[in-house]
Protein backbone atom coordinates (compact mmCIF):
# COMPACT_ATOMS: atom_id res chain seq x y z
CA UNK A 1 16.10 69.80 -48.06
CA UNK A 2 18.69 69.17 -45.37
CA UNK A 3 17.10 65.93 -44.18
CA UNK A 4 17.13 64.31 -47.64
CA UNK A 5 19.68 61.59 -48.33
CA UNK A 6 19.68 59.86 -51.73
CA UNK A 7 21.40 56.53 -52.16
CA UNK A 8 21.55 53.86 -54.87
CA UNK A 9 19.23 50.89 -54.85
CA UNK A 10 20.77 47.71 -56.27
CA UNK A 11 18.75 46.07 -59.07
CA UNK A 12 16.25 43.50 -57.85
CA UNK A 13 16.96 40.24 -59.67
CA UNK A 14 16.04 37.72 -56.97
CA UNK A 15 15.41 34.23 -58.28
CA UNK A 16 12.83 33.73 -55.54
CA UNK A 17 10.12 36.12 -54.33
CA UNK A 18 7.56 35.74 -51.54
CA UNK A 19 4.43 37.78 -50.87
CA UNK A 20 1.56 37.16 -48.47
CA UNK A 21 -1.80 38.73 -47.68
CA UNK A 22 -4.08 38.08 -44.74
CA UNK A 23 -7.64 38.61 -45.89
CA UNK A 24 -10.59 40.50 -44.55
CA UNK A 25 -11.74 37.86 -42.06
CA UNK A 26 -8.34 36.83 -40.72
CA UNK A 27 -8.19 37.43 -36.94
CA UNK A 28 -5.25 39.85 -37.29
CA UNK A 29 -7.01 41.80 -40.03
CA UNK A 30 -10.19 41.95 -37.96
CA UNK A 31 -8.18 43.54 -35.14
CA UNK A 32 -6.64 46.10 -37.52
CA UNK A 33 -10.05 46.91 -38.97
CA UNK A 34 -11.75 47.35 -35.60
CA UNK A 35 -8.94 49.54 -34.25
CA UNK A 36 -9.05 51.79 -37.31
CA UNK A 37 -12.85 51.90 -37.26
CA UNK A 38 -12.69 52.93 -33.59
CA UNK A 39 -10.22 55.74 -34.40
CA UNK A 40 -12.34 57.02 -37.31
CA UNK A 41 -15.49 57.02 -35.21
CA UNK A 42 -13.71 58.86 -32.40
CA UNK A 43 -12.48 61.47 -34.89
CA UNK A 44 -16.02 62.02 -36.14
CA UNK A 45 -17.41 62.26 -32.61
CA UNK A 46 -14.71 64.71 -31.52
CA UNK A 47 -15.30 66.88 -34.58
CA UNK A 48 -19.06 66.80 -34.11
CA UNK A 49 -18.88 67.85 -30.46
CA UNK A 50 -15.80 70.09 -30.36
CA UNK A 51 -14.97 71.02 -33.94
CA UNK A 52 -11.56 69.35 -33.76
CA UNK A 53 -9.96 65.94 -33.23
CA UNK A 54 -8.74 65.27 -29.70
CA UNK A 55 -5.93 63.06 -28.45
CA UNK A 56 -6.36 59.33 -28.87
CA UNK A 57 -4.42 56.22 -29.86
CA UNK A 58 -6.59 53.10 -29.89
CA UNK A 59 -4.11 50.88 -31.70
CA UNK A 60 -4.20 48.03 -29.20
CA UNK A 61 -6.74 45.30 -29.93
CA UNK A 62 -6.70 41.60 -29.10
CA UNK A 63 -8.97 38.88 -30.43
CA UNK A 64 -9.30 35.73 -28.35
CA UNK A 65 -10.76 32.89 -30.36
CA UNK A 66 -13.93 31.16 -29.24
CA UNK A 67 -15.11 27.57 -29.65
CA UNK A 68 -17.30 26.20 -32.41
CA UNK A 69 -18.68 22.94 -33.74
CA UNK A 70 -18.99 23.05 -37.55
CA UNK A 71 -20.82 20.18 -39.28
CA UNK A 72 -21.83 19.68 -42.89
CA UNK A 73 -25.16 21.42 -43.36
CA UNK A 74 -25.16 22.80 -39.83
CA UNK A 75 -22.87 23.88 -37.00
CA UNK A 76 -22.97 26.17 -34.00
CA UNK A 77 -20.75 28.45 -31.94
CA UNK A 78 -20.18 27.03 -28.46
CA UNK A 79 -18.28 29.96 -26.92
CA UNK A 80 -18.12 33.47 -28.38
CA UNK A 81 -15.08 35.25 -29.79
CA UNK A 82 -13.66 37.79 -27.35
CA UNK A 83 -12.50 41.16 -28.68
CA UNK A 84 -10.64 43.54 -26.38
CA UNK A 85 -10.23 47.14 -27.53
CA UNK A 86 -7.59 49.07 -25.60
CA UNK A 87 -5.57 52.23 -25.90
CA UNK A 88 -5.83 55.86 -24.83
CA UNK A 89 -8.47 58.43 -25.68
CA UNK A 90 -9.84 61.75 -24.47
CA UNK A 91 -12.92 60.79 -22.47
CA UNK A 92 -13.84 64.10 -20.82
CA UNK A 93 -13.69 67.48 -22.56
CA UNK A 94 -15.56 70.78 -22.28
CA UNK A 95 -17.60 69.48 -19.36
CA UNK A 96 -18.82 66.51 -21.39
CA UNK A 97 -18.15 62.82 -20.88
CA UNK A 98 -18.00 60.98 -24.17
CA UNK A 99 -19.68 57.56 -24.64
CA UNK A 100 -16.38 55.85 -25.48
CA UNK A 101 -17.65 52.35 -24.72
CA UNK A 102 -20.67 52.79 -27.01
CA UNK A 103 -18.45 54.13 -29.80
CA UNK A 104 -16.08 51.17 -29.43
CA UNK A 105 -18.70 48.44 -29.23
CA UNK A 106 -21.28 49.68 -31.74
CA UNK A 107 -18.65 50.62 -34.30
CA UNK A 108 -17.09 47.16 -34.03
CA UNK A 109 -20.41 45.41 -34.39
CA UNK A 110 -21.26 47.49 -37.44
CA UNK A 111 -17.97 46.56 -39.12
CA UNK A 112 -18.39 42.86 -38.33
CA UNK A 113 -21.96 42.92 -39.60
CA UNK A 114 -20.94 44.61 -42.85
CA UNK A 115 -17.90 42.46 -43.61
CA UNK A 116 -18.40 38.90 -42.27
CA UNK A 117 -21.56 37.53 -43.80
CA UNK A 118 -21.90 34.36 -41.68
CA UNK A 119 -20.98 35.88 -38.33
CA UNK A 120 -23.62 37.28 -35.97
CA UNK A 121 -21.91 40.10 -34.02
CA UNK A 122 -24.61 39.96 -31.34
CA UNK A 123 -24.37 36.23 -30.67
CA UNK A 124 -20.92 35.15 -31.80
CA UNK A 125 -18.79 37.97 -30.36
CA UNK A 126 -18.26 39.67 -27.01
CA UNK A 127 -16.62 43.12 -27.28
CA UNK A 128 -14.83 44.68 -24.32
CA UNK A 129 -13.80 48.34 -24.10
CA UNK A 130 -10.62 48.83 -22.04
CA UNK A 131 -9.72 52.36 -23.15
CA UNK A 132 -8.29 54.78 -20.58
CA UNK A 133 -7.35 58.50 -20.75
CA UNK A 134 -3.89 59.36 -22.09
CA UNK A 135 -1.07 60.83 -20.00
CA UNK A 136 -0.99 64.59 -19.45
CA UNK A 137 2.34 65.04 -21.26
CA UNK A 138 1.15 63.28 -24.43
CA UNK A 139 -2.17 65.12 -24.41
CA UNK A 140 -0.25 68.41 -24.16
CA UNK A 141 2.12 67.36 -26.96
CA UNK A 142 -0.86 66.48 -29.14
CA UNK A 143 -2.19 70.04 -28.83
CA UNK A 144 1.10 71.74 -29.72
CA UNK A 145 1.32 73.50 -33.08
CA UNK A 146 4.15 75.25 -34.90
CA UNK A 147 4.01 78.04 -37.50
CA UNK A 148 1.19 77.52 -39.97
CA UNK A 149 -0.74 75.38 -37.46
CA UNK A 150 1.48 72.35 -38.12
CA UNK A 151 1.20 69.47 -35.65
CA UNK A 152 4.29 68.04 -33.98
CA UNK A 153 5.26 64.37 -33.99
CA UNK A 154 4.12 62.45 -30.95
CA UNK A 155 6.79 59.77 -31.35
CA UNK A 156 10.20 59.02 -32.76
CA UNK A 157 9.36 56.45 -35.40
CA UNK A 158 10.06 55.09 -38.88
CA UNK A 159 7.90 55.03 -41.99
CA UNK A 160 8.78 52.81 -44.95
CA UNK A 161 7.48 52.53 -48.49
CA UNK A 162 8.52 51.23 -51.89
CA UNK A 163 7.39 51.26 -55.50
CA UNK A 164 6.50 49.76 -57.80
CA UNK A 165 4.91 46.63 -56.39
CA UNK A 166 5.85 43.54 -58.34
CA UNK A 167 3.65 41.42 -60.57
CA UNK A 168 3.52 38.71 -57.88
CA UNK A 169 2.53 41.24 -55.23
CA UNK A 170 -0.23 42.56 -57.47
CA UNK A 171 -1.47 39.02 -57.99
CA UNK A 172 -1.56 38.19 -54.27
CA UNK A 173 -3.52 41.35 -53.57
CA UNK A 174 -5.90 40.69 -56.46
CA UNK A 175 -6.66 37.09 -55.45
CA UNK A 176 -7.81 37.99 -51.93
CA UNK A 177 -9.70 41.07 -53.06
CA UNK A 178 -11.47 39.18 -55.83
CA UNK A 179 -12.62 36.48 -53.42
CA UNK A 180 -13.81 38.92 -50.77
CA UNK A 181 -15.39 41.43 -53.13
CA UNK A 182 -17.76 38.92 -54.68
CA UNK A 183 -21.49 39.12 -54.02
CA UNK A 184 -21.35 36.89 -50.96
CA UNK A 185 -25.08 36.23 -50.79
CA UNK A 186 -25.13 34.79 -54.33
CA UNK A 187 -21.59 33.91 -55.43
CA UNK A 188 -20.22 31.02 -53.40
CA UNK A 189 -21.72 31.84 -49.98
CA UNK A 190 -19.75 28.85 -48.61
CA UNK A 191 -16.52 30.84 -48.93
CA UNK A 192 -15.75 32.65 -45.69
CA UNK A 193 -13.90 35.95 -45.51
CA UNK A 194 -10.93 34.47 -43.64
CA UNK A 195 -8.67 34.17 -46.68
CA UNK A 196 -4.90 33.85 -46.52
CA UNK A 197 -2.90 34.01 -49.75
CA UNK A 198 0.76 33.06 -50.05
CA UNK A 199 2.54 33.66 -53.34
CA UNK A 200 5.94 32.22 -54.24
CA UNK A 201 7.82 32.92 -57.45
CA UNK A 202 10.81 30.78 -58.40
CA UNK A 203 12.16 32.36 -61.54
CA UNK A 204 9.14 32.39 -63.86
CA UNK A 205 7.28 29.68 -61.92
CA UNK A 206 4.51 30.86 -59.55
CA UNK A 207 2.74 28.99 -56.77
CA UNK A 208 -0.33 30.37 -54.99
CA UNK A 209 -1.53 28.76 -51.77
CA UNK A 210 -4.91 29.85 -50.45
CA UNK A 211 -6.48 29.05 -47.09
CA UNK A 212 -10.22 29.71 -47.10
CA UNK A 213 -12.46 29.15 -44.09
CA UNK A 214 -15.45 27.33 -45.56
CA UNK A 215 -18.90 27.83 -44.00
CA UNK A 216 -20.45 24.54 -42.94
CA UNK A 217 -24.16 25.36 -43.29
CA UNK A 218 -23.70 26.02 -47.02
CA UNK A 219 -22.02 22.63 -47.58
CA UNK A 220 -24.24 19.56 -47.42
CA UNK A 221 -21.46 17.00 -47.68
CA UNK A 222 -17.80 16.39 -48.52
CA UNK A 223 -18.43 16.28 -52.28
CA UNK A 224 -19.93 19.78 -52.21
CA UNK A 225 -16.96 20.98 -50.14
CA UNK A 226 -14.49 19.58 -52.69
CA UNK A 227 -16.45 21.18 -55.53
CA UNK A 228 -16.16 24.57 -53.80
CA UNK A 229 -12.42 24.06 -53.48
CA UNK A 230 -12.19 23.35 -57.19
CA UNK A 231 -14.18 26.48 -57.99
CA UNK A 232 -11.84 28.51 -55.81
CA UNK A 233 -8.80 27.08 -57.59
CA UNK A 234 -10.32 28.02 -60.95
CA UNK A 235 -10.91 31.57 -59.75
CA UNK A 236 -7.28 31.88 -58.67
CA UNK A 237 -6.11 30.71 -62.09
CA UNK A 238 -8.49 33.15 -63.77
CA UNK A 239 -7.12 36.06 -61.73
CA UNK A 240 -3.60 34.85 -62.48
CA UNK A 241 -4.26 34.89 -66.22
CA UNK A 242 -5.61 38.44 -65.94
CA UNK A 243 -2.29 39.44 -64.33
CA UNK A 244 -0.10 37.80 -66.95
CA UNK A 245 0.51 34.45 -65.27
CA UNK A 246 -0.73 31.84 -67.69
CA UNK A 247 0.39 28.85 -65.62
CA UNK A 248 0.02 28.89 -61.83
CA UNK A 249 0.39 25.97 -59.45
CA UNK A 250 -2.51 26.34 -57.01
CA UNK A 251 -3.13 24.80 -53.58
CA UNK A 252 -6.42 25.34 -51.73
CA UNK A 253 -6.77 24.38 -48.04
CA UNK A 254 -3.78 22.13 -48.45
CA UNK A 255 -3.96 20.76 -44.88
CA UNK A 256 -7.21 18.97 -45.73
CA UNK A 257 -7.34 15.18 -45.42
CA UNK A 258 -10.62 14.20 -47.10
CA UNK A 259 -10.04 10.49 -46.48
CA UNK A 260 -10.29 11.16 -42.75
CA UNK A 261 -12.98 13.79 -43.13
CA UNK A 262 -10.61 16.47 -41.85
CA UNK A 263 -11.35 19.64 -43.82
CA UNK A 264 -11.38 23.41 -43.14
CA UNK A 265 -14.96 23.89 -41.97
CA UNK A 266 -16.18 26.83 -39.89
CA UNK A 267 -19.53 28.14 -38.71
CA UNK A 268 -18.75 31.83 -39.15
CA UNK A 269 -16.25 31.99 -42.03
CA UNK A 270 -13.33 32.95 -39.80
CA UNK A 271 -10.83 30.86 -37.87
CA UNK A 272 -11.38 33.29 -34.98
CA UNK A 273 -14.35 31.15 -33.95
CA UNK A 274 -12.05 28.41 -32.66
CA UNK A 275 -8.73 28.02 -34.44
CA UNK A 276 -6.83 31.28 -34.13
CA UNK A 277 -6.40 34.51 -32.18
CA UNK A 278 -5.54 37.97 -33.49
CA UNK A 279 -3.75 41.20 -32.66
CA UNK A 280 -3.30 44.64 -34.23
CA UNK A 281 -0.12 45.01 -36.26
CA UNK A 282 0.60 41.32 -36.84
CA UNK A 283 -0.81 41.24 -40.34
CA UNK A 284 -0.51 43.24 -43.53
CA UNK A 285 1.56 46.41 -43.79
CA UNK A 286 -0.06 49.62 -45.04
CA UNK A 287 0.29 48.47 -48.67
CA UNK A 288 -1.86 45.44 -47.88
CA UNK A 289 0.97 42.92 -48.07
CA UNK A 290 3.54 41.03 -46.01
CA UNK A 291 6.77 41.09 -48.03
CA UNK A 292 9.80 39.70 -46.15
CA UNK A 293 12.25 40.54 -48.95
CA UNK A 294 11.17 44.18 -49.03
CA UNK A 295 11.72 46.96 -46.48
CA UNK A 296 8.94 46.94 -43.88
CA UNK A 297 8.10 48.78 -40.69
CA UNK A 298 6.82 46.93 -37.65
CA UNK A 299 4.50 49.81 -36.78
CA UNK A 300 0.84 49.01 -36.18
CA UNK A 301 -0.69 51.87 -38.14
CA UNK A 302 -4.36 51.02 -37.55
CA UNK A 303 -5.98 52.87 -34.67
CA UNK A 304 -3.27 55.51 -34.24
CA UNK A 305 -4.47 59.11 -34.33
CA UNK A 306 -4.24 60.65 -37.83
CA UNK A 307 -3.09 64.07 -36.63
CA UNK A 308 0.28 63.57 -34.94
CA UNK A 309 1.13 59.88 -34.93
CA UNK A 310 3.98 59.48 -37.37
CA UNK A 311 3.76 55.69 -37.05
CA UNK A 312 0.63 56.09 -39.15
CA UNK A 313 1.35 59.22 -41.20
CA UNK A 314 4.89 58.39 -42.27
CA UNK A 315 4.18 54.84 -43.43
CA UNK A 316 1.48 56.15 -45.75
CA UNK A 317 3.63 59.10 -46.86
CA UNK A 318 6.68 56.93 -47.55
CA UNK A 319 4.67 54.71 -49.88
CA UNK A 320 3.15 57.70 -51.67
CA UNK A 321 6.54 59.36 -52.10
CA UNK A 322 8.02 56.19 -53.61
CA UNK A 323 5.01 55.83 -55.91
CA UNK A 324 5.21 59.46 -57.06
CA UNK A 325 8.92 59.18 -57.81
CA UNK A 326 8.49 56.08 -59.98
CA UNK A 327 5.42 57.43 -61.78
CA UNK A 328 6.67 60.99 -62.36
CA UNK A 329 10.30 60.22 -63.15
CA UNK A 330 10.63 57.82 -66.11
CA UNK A 331 14.35 57.42 -65.46
CA UNK A 332 13.58 55.68 -62.13
CA UNK A 333 12.99 51.93 -62.21
CA UNK A 334 12.36 51.47 -58.48
CA UNK A 335 12.31 53.56 -55.31
CA UNK A 336 12.34 53.02 -51.59
CA UNK A 337 11.61 55.73 -49.02
CA UNK A 338 12.47 55.80 -45.31
CA UNK A 339 11.12 58.61 -43.11
CA UNK A 340 12.36 59.03 -39.55
CA UNK A 341 10.57 61.38 -37.18
CA UNK A 342 11.72 63.10 -34.03
CA UNK A 343 9.21 63.50 -31.20
CA UNK A 344 8.26 67.13 -30.72
CA UNK A 345 9.41 68.23 -34.19
CA UNK A 346 6.88 69.34 -36.84
CA UNK A 347 5.46 66.40 -38.76
CA UNK A 348 6.46 68.22 -41.95
CA UNK A 349 10.13 68.14 -40.93
CA UNK A 350 11.40 64.56 -40.50
CA UNK A 351 14.85 64.02 -39.03
CA UNK A 352 15.88 61.90 -42.02
CA UNK A 353 14.40 61.23 -45.45
CA UNK A 354 16.36 58.45 -47.12
CA UNK A 355 15.35 57.77 -50.71
CA UNK A 356 16.94 54.81 -52.46
CA UNK A 357 16.72 54.77 -56.24
CA UNK A 358 17.40 52.35 -59.06
CA UNK A 359 17.74 54.17 -62.39
CA UNK A 360 16.78 52.68 -65.73
CA UNK A 361 20.14 53.50 -67.32
CA UNK A 362 22.40 53.02 -64.32
CA UNK A 363 23.10 56.74 -63.90
CA UNK A 364 23.97 57.97 -60.38
CA UNK A 365 20.79 58.71 -58.35
CA UNK A 366 22.47 61.71 -56.69
CA UNK A 367 22.15 63.58 -60.00
CA UNK A 368 18.36 63.53 -59.52
CA UNK A 369 18.35 65.14 -56.08
CA UNK A 370 16.58 68.33 -57.15
CA UNK A 371 13.58 66.55 -58.66
CA UNK A 372 13.36 64.05 -55.82
CA UNK A 373 13.56 66.84 -53.25
CA UNK A 374 10.66 68.63 -54.95
CA UNK A 375 8.47 65.50 -54.82
CA UNK A 376 9.34 64.77 -51.18
CA UNK A 377 8.73 68.39 -50.18
CA UNK A 378 5.35 68.47 -51.89
CA UNK A 379 4.17 65.38 -50.03
CA UNK A 380 5.41 66.62 -46.67
CA UNK A 381 3.73 69.97 -47.21
CA UNK A 382 0.41 68.17 -47.72
CA UNK A 383 0.65 65.88 -44.70
CA UNK A 384 -2.27 67.66 -43.01
CA UNK A 385 -4.42 66.83 -46.03
CA UNK A 386 -4.22 63.14 -45.09
CA UNK A 387 -6.44 63.79 -42.09
CA UNK A 388 -9.73 63.95 -44.00
CA UNK A 389 -8.77 60.89 -46.03
CA UNK A 390 -8.14 58.90 -42.85
CA UNK A 391 -11.39 60.01 -41.23
CA UNK A 392 -13.34 59.17 -44.39
CA UNK A 393 -11.76 55.71 -44.55
CA UNK A 394 -10.26 56.51 -47.97
CA UNK A 395 -6.79 55.21 -47.04
CA UNK A 396 -6.36 51.47 -46.73
CA UNK A 397 -3.96 50.54 -43.93
CA UNK A 398 -4.08 46.77 -44.03
């Protein structure tokens, strides 16, 4: 493979490691989720009407926080959250005009209803559709195919992935997922979905800081609030023990000042009701984490079309390539993959594939080029197979 470049990856022996995850109800994550939901619903509508997916990129979403008045045992929203869905999509095709606004608004409400248990998407949110048709040149590029019906890249972009994820990264992911995958109607309904987890490792010492938007109507007084914080801290320690961290320093809602009655109370379980705004692409990368010491792309993958947009395809592929290399090649301790596209070229033929490898015995990575090339080639050959996974929602992007 002419585009493949293999280079050595220095051993990772950092004395400090940082990993972060913005949870399901964080304003940035909400924007990612609504953009990707919009894209999936458009794909299904296009397929249903025309038998194929048409041009769209709805990867621009902005959340403008509202105003709320939480109180122990009560609380109300004073001004709704504003959500603005923007981007480009095929609106007219085959003599039909598609109900883009209905797809945008109803899909968003359905996601909010399914994922934020204390938020009423009819009363607490106003959703605005700002989508316009795409330019003629990009619509034409979207329809181009090469031999074997291969799509061409609609952008010159970079995809980045690495493997394996570290023990701290696994822990940060597990903490947020454990909190937000509980039975919210029975297990701690006072815990909102707006969870932010920051993990820091200094040598063998680990600190986990969690911000959790507590829901005021499920908390009768300050003592109940503090008891819920303690229960959350115990859960974090339990998850830590399951991941091999017997001793974790834990901080929960560390900005609280109980003596003044200043605690993290919300009506809806998300800071979007009053304290924070959100935007697509400002949160987790496609592996679900924010990892400043690791290679990352600044691409906003959510909402991009899953047919030609390499900003979406290549970030997923790069992670899968790195994972396959480390799982299929026992002599590889760690791998990083960088995919660079060229607009107008087949998505199966990136301009550059840079794979960085750390070997278990220190042998030169270049000696493994044949096996690495086979793995990379296999993934690129199956890039079209990602389409159904994206449309089904089987690939997590945030």
